[in-house]
């Protein structure tokens, strides 16, 4: 089962049924200064991301994912044009969570804020910072049970996205954004410890 969470960044669409996140650079902007379009600045940018860029599953240990969402059956890595992402497939299927750095999006959270400004999101909710890093929950369609799109600004020019797609039986089914937030917290701690 191939997980393509980051693939949709290129097309600018979000398929809520498959849990694909969205973030494409905004249309030609008057300024290349980041952040822009109302996006918050990342006060303590994380520079050392090379390891996770090549091995996205190293951002969060499988044991940490299991503590949050149940036993993991397997992991898969998708290598797409905008970066690699990791998919943790739970035994209590077909639930999964996908996460990765979107290195092909050089505008970070600003790209999401620009899409919001252009009315491309039905759902867009900045949330409390995660370990000091700005984050937003977003989507192009009304929310679906068990699904959440979460992006965290790691730097002004880089986001880490987490997309749980959970089904009945998963312990976090009723709170997929809570799961995404916990995965983001673990990833940020690991990024900073690298």
Protein backbone atom coordinates (compact mmCIF):
# COMPACT_ATOMS: atom_id res chain seq x y z
CA UNK A 1 0.00 0.00 0.00
CA UNK A 2 1.73 3.18 -1.12
CA UNK A 3 1.09 6.23 0.97
CA UNK A 4 1.32 9.49 -0.96
CA UNK A 5 0.72 12.17 1.65
CA UNK A 6 3.07 14.71 0.14
CA UNK A 7 2.22 14.07 -3.51
CA UNK A 8 -0.75 16.38 -3.39
CA UNK A 9 1.44 19.33 -2.46
CA UNK A 10 2.32 19.54 -6.14
CA UNK A 11 -1.25 19.68 -7.36
CA UNK A 12 -2.67 21.94 -4.70
CA UNK A 13 -5.59 19.64 -3.91
CA UNK A 14 -6.45 17.72 -0.80
CA UNK A 15 -8.22 14.42 -1.00
CA UNK A 16 -9.83 14.16 2.41
CA UNK A 17 -10.70 10.51 1.81
CA UNK A 18 -7.07 9.47 1.37
CA UNK A 19 -5.62 11.88 3.90
CA UNK A 20 -3.39 13.79 1.51
CA UNK A 21 -2.14 17.18 2.71
CA UNK A 22 -1.96 20.32 0.64
CA UNK A 23 0.58 23.10 0.42
CA UNK A 24 1.77 24.70 -2.75
CA UNK A 25 3.61 27.95 -3.13
CA UNK A 26 1.34 30.95 -3.44
CA UNK A 27 0.89 32.57 -6.84
CA UNK A 28 3.53 35.08 -7.84
CA UNK A 29 3.98 37.24 -4.80
CA UNK A 30 5.06 40.86 -4.63
CA UNK A 31 7.69 39.95 -2.08
CA UNK A 32 9.85 36.90 -1.55
CA UNK A 33 10.37 37.80 2.10
CA UNK A 34 9.13 35.07 4.46
CA UNK A 35 6.91 34.82 6.32
CA UNK A 36 4.08 36.57 4.49
CA UNK A 37 0.32 36.38 3.91
CA UNK A 38 -0.21 36.50 7.67
CA UNK A 39 1.86 33.40 8.48
CA UNK A 40 3.70 33.54 11.80
CA UNK A 41 7.49 33.60 11.89
CA UNK A 42 9.38 30.57 13.17
CA UNK A 43 11.34 32.00 16.10
CA UNK A 44 13.79 29.09 16.51
CA UNK A 45 14.26 27.54 13.06
CA UNK A 46 15.44 23.94 12.97
CA UNK A 47 18.34 23.79 10.51
CA UNK A 48 19.45 20.17 10.84
CA UNK A 49 16.78 18.29 8.86
CA UNK A 50 18.95 16.39 6.35
CA UNK A 51 18.59 13.03 8.13
CA UNK A 52 14.78 13.18 8.13
CA UNK A 53 14.74 14.46 4.54
CA UNK A 54 16.41 11.21 3.43
CA UNK A 55 14.84 8.91 6.06
CA UNK A 56 11.40 10.32 6.98
CA UNK A 57 10.59 7.43 9.33
CA UNK A 58 13.51 8.51 11.56
CA UNK A 59 11.56 11.64 12.63
CA UNK A 60 9.44 9.58 15.04
CA UNK A 61 10.26 6.09 16.30
CA UNK A 62 7.69 3.43 15.50
CA UNK A 63 7.46 2.70 19.24
CA UNK A 64 6.36 6.32 19.80
CA UNK A 65 3.71 6.02 17.07
CA UNK A 66 2.45 2.78 18.68
CA UNK A 67 2.06 4.51 22.05
CA UNK A 68 -0.19 7.03 20.34
CA UNK A 69 -2.21 5.10 17.79
CA UNK A 70 -1.83 1.35 18.35
CA UNK A 71 0.30 -1.47 17.01
CA UNK A 72 2.05 -0.67 13.72
CA UNK A 73 1.90 -3.42 11.11
CA UNK A 74 4.50 -1.85 8.80
CA UNK A 75 5.99 1.40 7.58
CA UNK A 76 6.31 2.63 4.01
CA UNK A 77 8.33 5.48 2.53
CA UNK A 78 7.00 7.48 -0.37
CA UNK A 79 9.57 9.39 -2.40
CA UNK A 80 7.71 12.13 -4.24
CA UNK A 81 8.80 15.28 -6.02
CA UNK A 82 8.37 17.53 -2.99
CA UNK A 83 10.06 15.25 -0.47
CA UNK A 84 9.88 11.88 1.23
CA UNK A 85 7.22 10.96 3.74
CA UNK A 86 6.72 8.06 6.11
CA UNK A 87 3.52 6.10 6.44
CA UNK A 88 2.90 4.08 9.59
CA UNK A 89 0.20 1.49 8.84
CA UNK A 90 -1.62 0.29 11.95
CA UNK A 91 -2.61 -3.34 12.46
CA UNK A 92 -6.11 -2.11 13.25
CA UNK A 93 -6.50 -1.30 9.55
CA UNK A 94 -6.84 0.46 7.40
CA UNK A 95 -5.80 3.26 9.78
CA UNK A 96 -2.50 5.02 9.15
CA UNK A 97 -0.59 8.22 9.81
CA UNK A 98 1.68 9.88 7.25
CA UNK A 99 4.30 12.52 8.00
CA UNK A 100 7.16 14.23 6.26
CA UNK A 101 9.09 17.38 5.49
CA UNK A 102 7.86 19.13 2.37
CA UNK A 103 11.27 20.22 1.09
CA UNK A 104 9.91 21.12 -2.35
CA UNK A 105 7.73 23.86 -0.83
CA UNK A 106 10.18 26.69 -0.18
CA UNK A 107 7.50 28.96 1.31
CA UNK A 108 6.65 27.00 4.46
CA UNK A 109 3.47 28.01 6.27
CA UNK A 110 3.23 31.11 4.07
CA UNK A 111 2.04 28.87 1.21
CA UNK A 112 -0.89 27.67 3.33
CA UNK A 113 -1.77 31.16 4.52
CA UNK A 114 -1.72 32.36 0.89
CA UNK A 115 -4.10 29.57 -0.12
CA UNK A 116 -6.38 30.54 2.77
CA UNK A 117 -6.30 34.17 1.63
CA UNK A 118 -7.36 33.03 -1.85
CA UNK A 119 -10.29 31.04 -0.41
CA UNK A 120 -8.86 27.64 -1.29
CA UNK A 121 -9.48 26.10 2.13
CA UNK A 122 -12.83 25.23 3.68
CA UNK A 123 -11.11 24.53 6.98
CA UNK A 124 -8.18 26.62 8.22
CA UNK A 125 -7.40 26.92 11.91
CA UNK A 126 -4.12 28.14 13.38
CA UNK A 127 -3.57 26.24 16.63
CA UNK A 128 -1.40 26.77 19.69
CA UNK A 129 2.26 26.39 18.91
CA UNK A 130 3.66 22.88 19.18
CA UNK A 131 6.83 22.89 21.28
CA UNK A 132 7.22 26.55 20.28
CA UNK A 133 6.57 26.03 16.55
CA UNK A 134 3.57 27.55 14.73
CA UNK A 135 1.00 25.13 13.35
CA UNK A 136 -2.23 25.05 11.40
CA UNK A 137 -5.00 22.53 10.72
CA UNK A 138 -6.36 22.86 7.19
CA UNK A 139 -8.40 21.19 4.46
CA UNK A 140 -10.13 21.82 1.15
CA UNK A 141 -13.31 20.01 2.19
CA UNK A 142 -15.38 19.76 5.34
CA UNK A 143 -13.74 17.63 8.00
CA UNK A 144 -14.22 13.87 7.98
CA UNK A 145 -14.18 11.67 11.04
CA UNK A 146 -10.77 10.22 11.74
CA UNK A 147 -8.91 12.60 9.39
CA UNK A 148 -6.74 15.64 10.07
CA UNK A 149 -4.24 17.69 8.04
CA UNK A 150 -1.69 19.41 10.28
CA UNK A 151 1.32 21.47 9.19
CA UNK A 152 4.01 22.75 11.54
CA UNK A 153 6.47 25.46 10.55
CA UNK A 154 9.95 24.07 11.20
CA UNK A 155 11.52 27.08 9.49
CA UNK A 156 9.95 29.99 7.64
CA UNK A 157 10.64 28.05 4.42
CA UNK A 158 9.84 24.50 5.59
CA UNK A 159 6.85 22.62 7.00
CA UNK A 160 6.46 19.20 8.54
CA UNK A 161 3.05 17.72 7.78
CA UNK A 162 1.19 15.03 9.67
CA UNK A 163 -1.94 13.39 8.26
CA UNK A 164 -3.70 10.68 10.29
CA UNK A 165 -6.40 8.72 8.49
CA UNK A 166 -8.08 6.71 11.21
CA UNK A 167 -11.00 4.33 11.22
CA UNK A 168 -13.30 2.95 13.90
CA UNK A 169 -11.28 0.79 16.24
CA UNK A 170 -8.24 3.07 16.38
CA UNK A 171 -7.86 4.55 19.88
CA UNK A 172 -7.45 8.07 18.41
CA UNK A 173 -10.34 7.85 15.92
CA UNK A 174 -12.31 10.57 17.72
CA UNK A 175 -9.29 12.89 17.92
CA UNK A 176 -7.10 12.59 14.80
CA UNK A 177 -5.79 16.14 15.24
CA UNK A 178 -4.76 15.21 18.79
CA UNK A 179 -2.77 12.31 17.33
CA UNK A 180 -1.23 14.60 14.69
CA UNK A 181 -0.23 17.09 17.39
CA UNK A 182 1.42 14.37 19.49
CA UNK A 183 3.32 13.07 16.44
CA UNK A 184 4.46 16.65 15.73
CA UNK A 185 5.62 17.07 19.34
CA UNK A 186 7.68 13.88 19.12
CA UNK A 187 9.15 14.85 15.74
CA UNK A 188 10.16 18.33 16.91
CA UNK A 189 11.90 16.88 19.98
CA UNK A 190 13.76 14.48 17.71
CA UNK A 191 14.65 17.23 15.20
CA UNK A 192 16.07 19.38 17.99
CA UNK A 193 18.01 16.47 19.45
CA UNK A 194 19.61 15.57 16.12
